[in-house]
Amino acid sequence: MILSSPIGGQVEKPPKSLPDAPPSAICGKRHECAAGPLLRLHREPALFVMGSRGYRVRVASEPIFIDGCECLGLCSEKRAEIQISPAMPLADRLFVLMHELTHAQILSTGYPADTESICDLFGTIAAVTFRTLCDVGGEAALIALAPGETLAVKGGRHAAE
């Protein structure tokens, strides 16, 4: 099944399971990042390291509102957490994750001063996102999260504390 998105184009809905995972297009390893999320539970959340901080990623339990306006995502420097709205289209989660990680990196390193620094910012966001997602089950693991769940290591997921 294909999910459409006005922001991120189209992505395939993750399957329940695939017996033989093909090599990952991102890292070349043969594991779940190419096949979808592992369905077992883990306690340790995956961390997207931006600057000197590791940010957890979770789908909020309910829509996110700031100053009365509904938001697709939220970067909390204080909690070192990225929240993604459960009300948004699943296909937009990767875009929102990368958008919020950009906020996290800017909070850590400051706003880019020139074109080269902007390019470094985008390169950092892409590299951290792809490497971390590959370790947890790929974009399929992000799409598979239910409200209140946090992206966890090795493709696992668990309820927020």
Protein backbone atom coordinates (compact mmCIF):
# COMPACT_ATOMS: atom_id res chain seq x y z
CA MET A 1 0.00 0.00 0.00
CA ILE A 2 1.34 3.45 -0.94
CA LEU A 3 0.85 6.43 1.38
CA SER A 4 0.64 9.86 -0.26
CA SER A 5 1.95 13.06 1.22
CA PRO A 6 1.83 16.67 0.08
CA ILE A 7 5.19 17.22 1.81
CA GLY A 8 7.20 14.09 1.21
CA GLY A 9 5.78 12.45 -1.93
CA GLN A 10 4.90 8.78 -1.52
CA VAL A 11 6.17 6.05 0.75
CA GLU A 12 5.16 2.45 1.09
CA LYS A 13 3.28 1.43 4.22
CA PRO A 14 5.52 -0.91 6.22
CA PRO A 15 4.68 -4.61 5.94
CA LYS A 16 4.05 -6.67 9.08
CA SER A 17 7.15 -8.73 8.31
CA LEU A 18 9.50 -9.73 5.53
CA PRO A 19 11.37 -13.06 5.84
CA ASP A 20 14.53 -12.15 3.89
CA ALA A 21 15.71 -8.59 4.21
CA PRO A 22 17.50 -7.26 1.12
CA PRO A 23 20.69 -5.24 1.61
CA SER A 24 20.00 -1.71 2.80
CA ALA A 25 20.36 1.06 0.23
CA ILE A 26 21.76 3.28 2.99
CA CYS A 27 24.38 1.14 4.71
CA GLY A 28 24.60 -2.01 2.55
CA LYS A 29 24.03 -4.36 5.49
CA ARG A 30 21.44 -7.13 5.35
CA HIS A 31 19.10 -6.34 8.24
CA GLU A 32 15.77 -4.84 9.16
CA CYS A 33 16.49 -1.29 8.00
CA ALA A 34 15.56 -2.38 4.47
CA ALA A 35 12.70 -4.69 5.45
CA GLY A 36 10.76 -2.86 8.14
CA PRO A 37 10.74 -2.62 11.92
CA LEU A 38 11.38 -5.44 14.31
CA LEU A 39 8.27 -5.98 16.37
CA ARG A 40 9.88 -6.74 19.71
CA LEU A 41 9.97 -4.21 22.52
CA HIS A 42 13.14 -2.55 23.82
CA ARG A 43 13.69 -0.25 26.78
CA GLU A 44 16.51 1.90 25.39
CA PRO A 45 15.37 4.74 23.10
CA ALA A 46 17.28 5.50 19.92
CA LEU A 47 19.18 8.79 20.13
CA PHE A 48 19.67 11.23 17.27
CA VAL A 49 22.85 13.05 18.34
CA MET A 50 22.80 16.73 17.41
CA GLY A 51 25.83 18.62 18.70
CA SER A 52 26.47 17.37 22.22
CA ARG A 53 22.87 16.18 22.90
CA GLY A 54 21.07 12.97 22.04
CA TYR A 55 17.38 13.47 21.20
CA ARG A 56 14.71 10.79 21.65
CA VAL A 57 11.95 10.65 19.04
CA ARG A 58 8.38 9.78 19.92
CA VAL A 59 4.92 10.14 18.52
CA ALA A 60 2.94 12.34 20.91
CA SER A 61 -0.11 10.79 22.58
CA GLU A 62 -2.33 13.54 21.19
CA PRO A 63 -2.03 16.44 18.72
CA ILE A 64 0.57 19.09 19.59
CA PHE A 65 -0.55 22.68 20.15
CA ILE A 66 1.67 25.71 20.74
CA ASP A 67 0.03 29.06 21.45
CA GLY A 68 -3.29 27.65 20.22
CA CYS A 69 -1.89 26.49 16.87
CA GLU A 70 -1.62 22.82 15.94
CA CYS A 71 1.95 21.74 15.05
CA LEU A 72 3.23 18.71 13.15
CA GLY A 73 6.25 18.38 15.43
CA LEU A 74 8.10 19.83 18.39
CA CYS A 75 11.77 19.98 19.40
CA SER A 76 12.20 20.19 23.17
CA GLU A 77 15.77 21.13 24.07
CA LYS A 78 14.95 20.87 27.79
CA ARG A 79 13.68 17.27 27.47
CA ALA A 80 16.08 16.36 24.62
CA GLU A 81 13.08 15.05 22.73
CA ILE A 82 11.50 15.35 19.31
CA GLN A 83 7.72 14.86 19.31
CA ILE A 84 5.77 14.04 16.16
CA SER A 85 2.04 14.68 15.99
CA PRO A 86 -0.14 11.57 15.71
CA ALA A 87 -2.62 13.63 13.65
CA MET A 88 -0.31 14.09 10.66
CA PRO A 89 -0.13 11.83 7.59
CA LEU A 90 2.27 8.92 8.20
CA ALA A 91 4.17 9.70 5.01
CA ASP A 92 5.17 13.12 6.44
CA ARG A 93 6.94 11.75 9.53
CA LEU A 94 10.40 11.66 7.95
CA PHE A 95 10.10 15.28 6.79
CA VAL A 96 8.93 16.42 10.24
CA LEU A 97 11.69 14.44 11.97
CA MET A 98 14.36 16.09 9.81
CA HIS A 99 12.73 19.52 10.30
CA GLU A 100 12.77 19.13 14.10
CA LEU A 101 16.33 17.76 14.07
CA THR A 102 17.31 20.93 12.21
CA HIS A 103 15.93 22.94 15.14
CA ALA A 104 17.95 20.73 17.53
CA GLN A 105 21.18 21.26 15.58
CA ILE A 106 20.63 25.03 15.41
CA LEU A 107 19.99 25.09 19.17
CA SER A 108 23.29 23.27 19.63
CA THR A 109 25.53 25.10 17.16
CA GLY A 110 23.76 28.36 16.36
CA TYR A 111 22.22 29.62 13.13
CA PRO A 112 24.40 29.12 10.02
CA ALA A 113 26.26 32.30 9.08
CA ASP A 114 26.99 31.58 5.41
CA THR A 115 26.16 29.25 2.52
CA GLU A 116 28.84 26.72 3.42
CA SER A 117 27.52 26.52 6.99
CA ILE A 118 23.97 26.00 5.69
CA CYS A 119 25.22 23.15 3.51
CA ASP A 120 27.04 21.66 6.52
CA LEU A 121 23.79 21.88 8.50
CA PHE A 122 21.82 19.98 5.84
CA GLY A 123 24.59 17.39 5.47
CA THR A 124 24.67 16.84 9.23
CA ILE A 125 20.89 16.43 9.47
CA ALA A 126 20.81 13.96 6.57
CA ALA A 127 23.74 11.89 7.84
CA VAL A 128 22.47 11.67 11.44
CA THR A 129 18.94 10.87 10.29
CA PHE A 130 19.91 8.15 7.83
CA ARG A 131 22.49 6.49 10.08
CA THR A 132 20.20 6.44 13.12
CA LEU A 133 17.14 5.29 11.17
CA CYS A 134 19.20 2.50 9.60
CA ASP A 135 20.08 1.29 13.10
CA VAL A 136 16.42 1.17 14.20
CA GLY A 137 14.62 -0.30 11.21
CA GLY A 138 14.49 2.49 8.64
CA GLU A 139 11.67 4.86 7.82
CA ALA A 140 9.27 1.93 8.26
CA ALA A 141 10.06 1.90 12.00
CA LEU A 142 9.22 5.61 12.22
CA ILE A 143 5.95 5.10 10.33
CA ALA A 144 5.02 2.08 12.48
CA LEU A 145 5.14 4.00 15.79
CA ALA A 146 1.78 4.33 17.52
CA PRO A 147 0.82 7.39 19.59
CA GLY A 148 2.85 7.45 22.81
CA GLU A 149 5.62 5.18 21.47
CA THR A 150 9.30 6.12 21.29
CA LEU A 151 11.66 5.00 18.54
CA ALA A 152 13.98 2.48 20.17
CA VAL A 153 17.27 0.80 19.31
CA LYS A 154 17.30 -2.15 16.89
CA GLY A 155 13.91 -1.23 15.46
CA GLY A 156 12.09 -1.75 18.71
CA ARG A 157 9.49 0.56 20.08
CA HIS A 158 8.16 1.18 23.53
CA ALA A 159 5.58 3.25 25.30
CA ALA A 160 6.73 6.61 26.56
CA GLU A 161 7.51 6.87 30.25
